[in-house]
Amino acid sequence: LALLAFKTAVIAPDGIFLQWNEEDPDPCGWKGVKCDSTKNVMS
């Protein structure tokens, strides 16, 4: 998953990535991740 690769490359002082779990099949619920109505990651 591209988001997890991004997570390893960036240092986030506010801990935003702490809840990003690679075991979770749906990143749309992760803090800071925005998805459209069909669950495609937008940002």
PDB file of N, CA and C in Angstrom:
ATOM      1  N   LEU A   1       0.850  -1.176   0.000  1.00  0.00           N
ATOM      2  CA  LEU A   1       0.000   0.000   0.000  1.00  0.00           C
ATOM      3  C   LEU A   1       0.894   1.237   0.000  1.00  0.00           C
ATOM      4  N   ALA A   2       0.625   2.125  -0.895  1.00  0.00           N
ATOM      5  CA  ALA A   2       1.442   3.332  -1.046  1.00  0.00           C
ATOM      6  C   ALA A   2       1.428   4.197   0.212  1.00  0.00           C
ATOM      7  N   LEU A   3       0.314   4.217   0.921  1.00  0.00           N
ATOM      8  CA  LEU A   3       0.243   5.044   2.132  1.00  0.00           C
ATOM      9  C   LEU A   3       1.222   4.554   3.193  1.00  0.00           C
ATOM     10  N   LEU A   4       1.399   3.247   3.293  1.00  0.00           N
ATOM     11  CA  LEU A   4       2.333   2.723   4.283  1.00  0.00           C
ATOM     12  C   LEU A   4       3.778   3.019   3.893  1.00  0.00           C
ATOM     13  N   ALA A   5       4.080   3.025   2.605  1.00  0.00           N
ATOM     14  CA  ALA A   5       5.413   3.414   2.148  1.00  0.00           C
ATOM     15  C   ALA A   5       5.659   4.882   2.467  1.00  0.00           C
ATOM     16  N   PHE A   6       4.654   5.708   2.273  1.00  0.00           N
ATOM     17  CA  PHE A   6       4.740   7.131   2.602  1.00  0.00           C
ATOM     18  C   PHE A   6       5.005   7.304   4.097  1.00  0.00           C
ATOM     19  N   LYS A   7       4.302   6.522   4.910  1.00  0.00           N
ATOM     20  CA  LYS A   7       4.441   6.597   6.362  1.00  0.00           C
ATOM     21  C   LYS A   7       5.888   6.371   6.793  1.00  0.00           C
ATOM     22  N   THR A   8       6.581   5.431   6.163  1.00  0.00           N
ATOM     23  CA  THR A   8       7.955   5.130   6.558  1.00  0.00           C
ATOM     24  C   THR A   8       8.942   6.200   6.099  1.00  0.00           C
ATOM     25  N   ALA A   9       8.556   6.996   5.118  1.00  0.00           N
ATOM     26  CA  ALA A   9       9.458   8.007   4.570  1.00  0.00           C
ATOM     27  C   ALA A   9       9.307   9.378   5.218  1.00  0.00           C
ATOM     28  N   VAL A  10       8.272   9.578   6.025  1.00  0.00           N
ATOM     29  CA  VAL A  10       7.957  10.897   6.577  1.00  0.00           C
ATOM     30  C   VAL A  10       7.943  10.837   8.100  1.00  0.00           C
ATOM     31  N   ILE A  11       8.476  11.866   8.728  1.00  0.00           N
ATOM     32  CA  ILE A  11       8.403  11.989  10.181  1.00  0.00           C
ATOM     33  C   ILE A  11       7.270  12.953  10.510  1.00  0.00           C
ATOM     34  N   ALA A  12       6.319  12.485  11.294  1.00  0.00           N
ATOM     35  CA  ALA A  12       5.171  13.314  11.674  1.00  0.00           C
ATOM     36  C   ALA A  12       5.239  13.591  13.175  1.00  0.00           C
ATOM     37  N   PRO A  13       5.614  14.807  13.564  1.00  0.00           N
ATOM     38  CA  PRO A  13       5.769  15.117  14.981  1.00  0.00           C
ATOM     39  C   PRO A  13       4.474  15.019  15.785  1.00  0.00           C
ATOM     40  N   ASP A  14       3.331  15.120  15.118  1.00  0.00           N
ATOM     41  CA  ASP A  14       2.063  15.050  15.850  1.00  0.00           C
ATOM     42  C   ASP A  14       1.569  13.615  16.026  1.00  0.00           C
ATOM     43  N   GLY A  15       2.320  12.624  15.552  1.00  0.00           N
ATOM     44  CA  GLY A  15       1.952  11.226  15.730  1.00  0.00           C
ATOM     45  C   GLY A  15       0.791  10.762  14.878  1.00  0.00           C
ATOM     46  N   ILE A  16       0.502  11.464  13.799  1.00  0.00           N
ATOM     47  CA  ILE A  16      -0.657  11.145  12.961  1.00  0.00           C
ATOM     48  C   ILE A  16      -0.614   9.711  12.426  1.00  0.00           C
ATOM     49  N   PHE A  17       0.593   9.173  12.235  1.00  0.00           N
ATOM     50  CA  PHE A  17       0.705   7.847  11.635  1.00  0.00           C
ATOM     51  C   PHE A  17       0.595   6.703  12.642  1.00  0.00           C
ATOM     52  N   LEU A  18       0.535   6.991  13.916  1.00  0.00           N
ATOM     53  CA  LEU A  18       0.520   5.932  14.917  1.00  0.00           C
ATOM     54  C   LEU A  18      -0.650   4.966  14.749  1.00  0.00           C
ATOM     55  N   GLN A  19      -1.790   5.442  14.285  1.00  0.00           N
ATOM     56  CA  GLN A  19      -2.945   4.564  14.126  1.00  0.00           C
ATOM     57  C   GLN A  19      -3.008   3.902  12.750  1.00  0.00           C
ATOM     58  N   TRP A  20      -2.085   4.234  11.854  1.00  0.00           N
ATOM     59  CA  TRP A  20      -2.077   3.623  10.524  1.00  0.00           C
ATOM     60  C   TRP A  20      -1.593   2.188  10.667  1.00  0.00           C
ATOM     61  N   ASN A  21      -2.485   1.240  10.530  1.00  0.00           N
ATOM     62  CA  ASN A  21      -2.204  -0.167  10.767  1.00  0.00           C
ATOM     63  C   ASN A  21      -2.244  -0.942   9.457  1.00  0.00           C
ATOM     64  N   GLU A  22      -1.136  -1.571   9.089  1.00  0.00           N
ATOM     65  CA  GLU A  22      -1.094  -2.318   7.832  1.00  0.00           C
ATOM     66  C   GLU A  22      -2.017  -3.532   7.848  1.00  0.00           C
ATOM     67  N   GLU A  23      -2.488  -3.952   9.016  1.00  0.00           N
ATOM     68  CA  GLU A  23      -3.435  -5.063   9.119  1.00  0.00           C
ATOM     69  C   GLU A  23      -4.862  -4.616   8.782  1.00  0.00           C
ATOM     70  N   ASP A  24      -5.105  -3.320   8.811  1.00  0.00           N
ATOM     71  CA  ASP A  24      -6.434  -2.766   8.532  1.00  0.00           C
ATOM     72  C   ASP A  24      -6.626  -2.666   7.018  1.00  0.00           C
ATOM     73  N   PRO A  25      -7.602  -3.373   6.460  1.00  0.00           N
ATOM     74  CA  PRO A  25      -7.798  -3.356   5.011  1.00  0.00           C
ATOM     75  C   PRO A  25      -8.412  -2.062   4.478  1.00  0.00           C
ATOM     76  N   ASP A  26      -8.899  -1.199   5.366  1.00  0.00           N
ATOM     77  CA  ASP A  26      -9.583   0.020   4.937  1.00  0.00           C
ATOM     78  C   ASP A  26      -8.897   1.269   5.485  1.00  0.00           C
ATOM     79  N   PRO A  27      -7.999   1.886   4.710  1.00  0.00           N
ATOM     80  CA  PRO A  27      -7.306   3.077   5.193  1.00  0.00           C
ATOM     81  C   PRO A  27      -8.195   4.316   5.260  1.00  0.00           C
ATOM     82  N   CYS A  28      -9.419   4.230   4.787  1.00  0.00           N
ATOM     83  CA  CYS A  28     -10.310   5.397   4.791  1.00  0.00           C
ATOM     84  C   CYS A  28     -10.649   5.864   6.200  1.00  0.00           C
ATOM     85  N   GLY A  29     -10.456   5.031   7.191  1.00  0.00           N
ATOM     86  CA  GLY A  29     -10.709   5.411   8.569  1.00  0.00           C
ATOM     87  C   GLY A  29      -9.483   5.948   9.284  1.00  0.00           C
ATOM     88  N   TRP A  30      -8.344   5.965   8.608  1.00  0.00           N
ATOM     89  CA  TRP A  30      -7.113   6.431   9.231  1.00  0.00           C
ATOM     90  C   TRP A  30      -7.109   7.950   9.336  1.00  0.00           C
ATOM     91  N   LYS A  31      -6.564   8.447  10.430  1.00  0.00           N
ATOM     92  CA  LYS A  31      -6.458   9.890  10.640  1.00  0.00           C
ATOM     93  C   LYS A  31      -5.655  10.518   9.506  1.00  0.00           C
ATOM     94  N   GLY A  32      -6.200  11.571   8.909  1.00  0.00           N
ATOM     95  CA  GLY A  32      -5.516  12.298   7.852  1.00  0.00           C
ATOM     96  C   GLY A  32      -5.750  11.767   6.451  1.00  0.00           C
ATOM     97  N   VAL A  33      -6.453  10.636   6.324  1.00  0.00           N
ATOM     98  CA  VAL A  33      -6.727  10.048   5.006  1.00  0.00           C
ATOM     99  C   VAL A  33      -8.145  10.408   4.588  1.00  0.00           C
ATOM    100  N   LYS A  34      -8.289  10.907   3.395  1.00  0.00           N
ATOM    101  CA  LYS A  34      -9.600  11.270   2.846  1.00  0.00           C
ATOM    102  C   LYS A  34      -9.927  10.326   1.697  1.00  0.00           C
ATOM    103  N   CYS A  35     -11.165   9.829   1.682  1.00  0.00           N
ATOM    104  CA  CYS A  35     -11.621   8.918   0.632  1.00  0.00           C
ATOM    105  C   CYS A  35     -12.908   9.436   0.015  1.00  0.00           C
ATOM    106  N   ASP A  36     -13.160   8.998  -1.220  1.00  0.00           N
ATOM    107  CA  ASP A  36     -14.424   9.359  -1.853  1.00  0.00           C
ATOM    108  C   ASP A  36     -15.508   8.364  -1.431  1.00  0.00           C
ATOM    109  N   SER A  37     -16.696   8.501  -1.966  1.00  0.00           N
ATOM    110  CA  SER A  37     -17.831   7.668  -1.554  1.00  0.00           C
ATOM    111  C   SER A  37     -17.676   6.197  -1.929  1.00  0.00           C
ATOM    112  N   THR A  38     -16.746   5.901  -2.834  1.00  0.00           N
ATOM    113  CA  THR A  38     -16.517   4.507  -3.214  1.00  0.00           C
ATOM    114  C   THR A  38     -15.250   3.944  -2.567  1.00  0.00           C
ATOM    115  N   LYS A  39     -14.771   4.619  -1.527  1.00  0.00           N
ATOM    116  CA  LYS A  39     -13.621   4.186  -0.732  1.00  0.00           C
ATOM    117  C   LYS A  39     -12.288   4.248  -1.473  1.00  0.00           C
ATOM    118  N   ASN A  40     -12.190   5.105  -2.480  1.00  0.00           N
ATOM    119  CA  ASN A  40     -10.905   5.355  -3.128  1.00  0.00           C
ATOM    120  C   ASN A  40     -10.192   6.461  -2.364  1.00  0.00           C
ATOM    121  N   VAL A  41      -8.924   6.240  -2.037  1.00  0.00           N
ATOM    122  CA  VAL A  41      -8.149   7.243  -1.304  1.00  0.00           C
ATOM    123  C   VAL A  41      -7.929   8.456  -2.194  1.00  0.00           C
ATOM    124  N   MET A  42      -8.279   9.619  -1.680  1.00  0.00           N
ATOM    125  CA  MET A  42      -8.144  10.873  -2.422  1.00  0.00           C
ATOM    126  C   MET A  42      -6.943  11.684  -1.933  1.00  0.00           C
ATOM    127  N   SER A  43      -6.689  11.671  -0.644  1.00  0.00           N
ATOM    128  CA  SER A  43      -5.531  12.388  -0.083  1.00  0.00           C
ATOM    129  C   SER A  43      -5.218  11.871   1.300  1.00  0.00           C
TER     130      SER A  43
END
